[in-house]
C-alpha atoms as a PDB file:
ATOM      1  CA  MET A   1      13.065   4.086 -39.112  1.00  0.00           C
ATOM      2  CA  SER A   2      10.474   6.673 -37.970  1.00  0.00           C
ATOM      3  CA  ALA A   3       9.829   8.220 -34.645  1.00  0.00           C
ATOM      4  CA  ASP A   4       6.997   6.194 -33.956  1.00  0.00           C
ATOM      5  CA  ASP A   5       8.813   2.936 -34.782  1.00  0.00           C
ATOM      6  CA  TRP A   6      11.500   3.854 -32.283  1.00  0.00           C
ATOM      7  CA  GLU A   7       8.961   4.565 -29.629  1.00  0.00           C
ATOM      8  CA  LEU A   8       7.286   1.080 -30.086  1.00  0.00           C
ATOM      9  CA  LEU A   9      10.449  -0.469 -29.983  1.00  0.00           C
ATOM     10  CA  TYR A  10      11.663   0.970 -26.657  1.00  0.00           C
ATOM     11  CA  GLN A  11       8.193   0.289 -25.506  1.00  0.00           C
ATOM     12  CA  VAL A  12       8.206  -3.643 -26.330  1.00  0.00           C
ATOM     13  CA  THR A  13      12.200  -3.471 -24.650  1.00  0.00           C
ATOM     14  CA  ALA A  14      10.707  -2.210 -21.818  1.00  0.00           C
ATOM     15  CA  VAL A  15       7.831  -4.645 -21.121  1.00  0.00           C
ATOM     16  CA  LEU A  16       9.831  -7.351 -22.289  1.00  0.00           C
ATOM     17  CA  GLY A  17      12.711  -6.023 -19.763  1.00  0.00           C
ATOM     18  CA  LEU A  18      10.358  -5.753 -16.980  1.00  0.00           C
ATOM     19  CA  MET A  19       8.833  -9.375 -17.979  1.00  0.00           C
ATOM     20  CA  LEU A  20      12.637 -10.533 -17.428  1.00  0.00           C
ATOM     21  CA  ILE A  21      13.503  -8.889 -14.239  1.00  0.00           C
ATOM     22  CA  THR A  22       9.957 -10.446 -12.443  1.00  0.00           C
ATOM     23  CA  ILE A  23      10.496 -13.444 -13.933  1.00  0.00           C
ATOM     24  CA  ILE A  24      13.933 -13.746 -12.572  1.00  0.00           C
ATOM     25  CA  THR A  25      12.982 -12.196  -8.944  1.00  0.00           C
ATOM     26  CA  ARG A  26      10.289 -14.050  -8.475  1.00  0.00           C
ATOM     27  CA  GLY A  27      11.571 -17.461  -9.815  1.00  0.00           C
ATOM     28  CA  PHE A  28      14.519 -17.105  -7.549  1.00  0.00           C
ATOM     29  CA  PHE A  29      12.750 -18.005  -4.360  1.00  0.00           C
ATOM     30  CA  MET A  30      11.201 -21.103  -6.364  1.00  0.00           C
ATOM     31  CA  ALA A  31      14.107 -22.701  -8.001  1.00  0.00           C
ATOM     32  CA  PRO A  32      15.372 -24.459  -4.746  1.00  0.00           C
ATOM     33  CA  LYS A  33      14.147 -28.035  -4.030  1.00  0.00           C
ATOM     34  CA  GLU A  34      14.796 -27.211  -0.305  1.00  0.00           C
ATOM     35  CA  GLU A  35      14.100 -24.223   1.829  1.00  0.00           C
ATOM     36  CA  LEU A  36      16.370 -21.727   2.318  1.00  0.00           C
ATOM     37  CA  PRO A  37      17.674 -21.109   5.767  1.00  0.00           C
ATOM     38  CA  LEU A  38      17.411 -17.737   6.996  1.00  0.00           C
ATOM     39  CA  PRO A  39      18.745 -16.178  10.073  1.00  0.00           C
ATOM     40  CA  ASP A  40      16.162 -16.060  12.997  1.00  0.00           C
ATOM     41  CA  TRP A  41      16.761 -12.206  12.988  1.00  0.00           C
ATOM     42  CA  LEU A  42      15.631 -11.938   9.619  1.00  0.00           C
ATOM     43  CA  LYS A  43      12.653 -14.286  10.375  1.00  0.00           C
ATOM     44  CA  ARG A  44      11.640 -12.103  12.946  1.00  0.00           C
ATOM     45  CA  GLY A  45      11.823  -9.087  10.909  1.00  0.00           C
ATOM     46  CA  LEU A  46       9.618 -10.448   7.999  1.00  0.00           C
ATOM     47  CA  LYS A  47       6.737 -10.635  10.350  1.00  0.00           C
ATOM     48  CA  TYR A  48       6.395  -7.105  10.236  1.00  0.00           C
ATOM     49  CA  ALA A  49       6.964  -6.744   6.707  1.00  0.00           C
ATOM     50  CA  PRO A  50       3.032  -6.489   5.801  1.00  0.00           C
ATOM     51  CA  LEU A  51       2.549  -3.987   8.636  1.00  0.00           C
ATOM     52  CA  ALA A  52       5.402  -1.752   7.161  1.00  0.00           C
ATOM     53  CA  ALA A  53       4.068  -2.225   3.496  1.00  0.00           C
ATOM     54  CA  LEU A  54       0.154  -1.051   4.555  1.00  0.00           C
ATOM     55  CA  THR A  55       1.950   1.428   6.662  1.00  0.00           C
ATOM     56  CA  ALA A  56       3.590   2.964   3.623  1.00  0.00           C
ATOM     57  CA  VAL A  57       0.507   2.777   1.551  1.00  0.00           C
ATOM     58  CA  LEU A  58      -1.880   4.352   3.802  1.00  0.00           C
ATOM     59  CA  ALA A  59      -0.208   6.973   5.716  1.00  0.00           C
ATOM     60  CA  PRO A  60       0.319   9.349   2.759  1.00  0.00           C
ATOM     61  CA  GLU A  61      -3.404   8.781   2.003  1.00  0.00           C
ATOM     62  CA  VAL A  62      -4.017  10.048   5.189  1.00  0.00           C
ATOM     63  CA  PHE A  63      -1.780  12.603   6.054  1.00  0.00           C
ATOM     64  CA  MET A  64      -1.486  14.009   2.502  1.00  0.00           C
ATOM     65  CA  SER A  65      -3.428  15.768   0.048  1.00  0.00           C
ATOM     66  CA  GLN A  66      -2.439  16.906  -3.469  1.00  0.00           C
ATOM     67  CA  GLY A  67       1.032  16.347  -2.720  1.00  0.00           C
ATOM     68  CA  HIS A  68       1.169  18.284   0.679  1.00  0.00           C
ATOM     69  CA  VAL A  69       0.701  17.350   4.230  1.00  0.00           C
ATOM     70  CA  ILE A  70      -2.531  18.590   5.473  1.00  0.00           C
ATOM     71  CA  THR A  71      -2.561  21.433   7.757  1.00  0.00           C
ATOM     72  CA  THR A  72      -6.289  21.549   9.006  1.00  0.00           C
ATOM     73  CA  LEU A  73      -8.093  19.229  11.517  1.00  0.00           C
ATOM     74  CA  LEU A  74     -11.000  19.730   9.541  1.00  0.00           C
ATOM     75  CA  ASP A  75     -10.221  16.870   7.176  1.00  0.00           C
ATOM     76  CA  ALA A  76     -12.807  13.851   6.981  1.00  0.00           C
ATOM     77  CA  ARG A  77      -9.772  11.383   7.040  1.00  0.00           C
ATOM     78  CA  LEU A  78      -8.207  12.438  10.499  1.00  0.00           C
ATOM     79  CA  PRO A  79     -11.490  11.374  12.583  1.00  0.00           C
ATOM     80  CA  ALA A  80     -12.395   8.371  10.632  1.00  0.00           C
ATOM     81  CA  VAL A  81      -8.776   7.010  11.128  1.00  0.00           C
ATOM     82  CA  VAL A  82      -9.187   7.847  14.509  1.00  0.00           C
ATOM     83  CA  CYS A  83     -12.322   6.149  15.131  1.00  0.00           C
ATOM     84  CA  ALA A  84     -11.495   3.033  13.130  1.00  0.00           C
ATOM     85  CA  THR A  85      -8.121   2.659  15.009  1.00  0.00           C
ATOM     86  CA  ILE A  86     -10.000   2.742  18.395  1.00  0.00           C
ATOM     87  CA  TYR A  87     -12.702   0.170  17.096  1.00  0.00           C
ATOM     88  CA  TYR A  88      -9.621  -1.929  15.964  1.00  0.00           C
ATOM     89  CA  PHE A  89      -7.992  -1.944  19.250  1.00  0.00           C
ATOM     90  CA  LYS A  90     -11.316  -2.885  21.291  1.00  0.00           C
ATOM     91  CA  LYS A  91     -13.061  -5.403  18.833  1.00  0.00           C
ATOM     92  CA  ARG A  92      -9.659  -6.608  16.368  1.00  0.00           C
ATOM     93  CA  GLY A  93     -12.026  -7.250  13.612  1.00  0.00           C
ATOM     94  CA  ILE A  94     -10.675  -6.051  10.343  1.00  0.00           C
ATOM     95  CA  LEU A  95     -14.342  -5.136   8.605  1.00  0.00           C
ATOM     96  CA  GLY A  96     -15.874  -3.717  11.627  1.00  0.00           C
ATOM     97  CA  THR A  97     -12.683  -1.108  11.251  1.00  0.00           C
ATOM     98  CA  ILE A  98     -13.418  -0.396   7.689  1.00  0.00           C
ATOM     99  CA  VAL A  99     -17.202   0.022   8.370  1.00  0.00           C
ATOM    100  CA  VAL A 100     -16.591   2.192  11.338  1.00  0.00           C
ATOM    101  CA  GLY A 101     -14.137   4.343   9.147  1.00  0.00           C
ATOM    102  CA  MET A 102     -16.556   4.525   6.330  1.00  0.00           C
ATOM    103  CA  ALA A 103     -19.133   5.368   8.493  1.00  0.00           C
ATOM    104  CA  VAL A 104     -17.309   8.374  10.025  1.00  0.00           C
ATOM    105  CA  TYR A 105     -15.680   9.618   7.035  1.00  0.00           C
ATOM    106  CA  LEU A 106     -18.651   9.678   4.603  1.00  0.00           C
ATOM    107  CA  PRO A 107     -21.012  11.789   6.405  1.00  0.00           C
ATOM    108  CA  LEU A 108     -18.207  14.307   7.004  1.00  0.00           C
ATOM    109  CA  HIS A 109     -16.862  14.338   3.156  1.00  0.00           C
ATOM    110  CA  ILE A 110     -20.390  14.379   1.898  1.00  0.00           C
ATOM    111  CA  GLY A 111     -22.308  15.912   4.138  1.00  0.00           C
ATOM    112  CA  LEU A 112     -20.097  18.697   5.847  1.00  0.00           C
ATOM    113  CA  GLY A 113     -17.399  18.961   2.643  1.00  0.00           C
ATOM    114  CA  TRP A 114     -14.515  18.105   4.492  1.00  0.00           C
END
């Protein structure tokens, strides 16, 4: 077999392996006929999972640039996050939060070059 054939075999094996792992891990929760009992502490903790995941995705985007922590306050993301956060805690609206954040971010980023 040539090197290209081996590479294709590795790729197909990787894709099939990932498919199998995904099916097993996602199907694990659908297999039981009855709901699995969860301890109360785990149920309370799972309430915060979406917030933790969102923070894990957004924090690097806000506080890092090209793999390094930003060191200047002249970054359009910082005032946009502050304004969007203030709006959210006053109005509790997701769409408005996004609009306010972008309304602050875009003029600073495009207009001032921050």
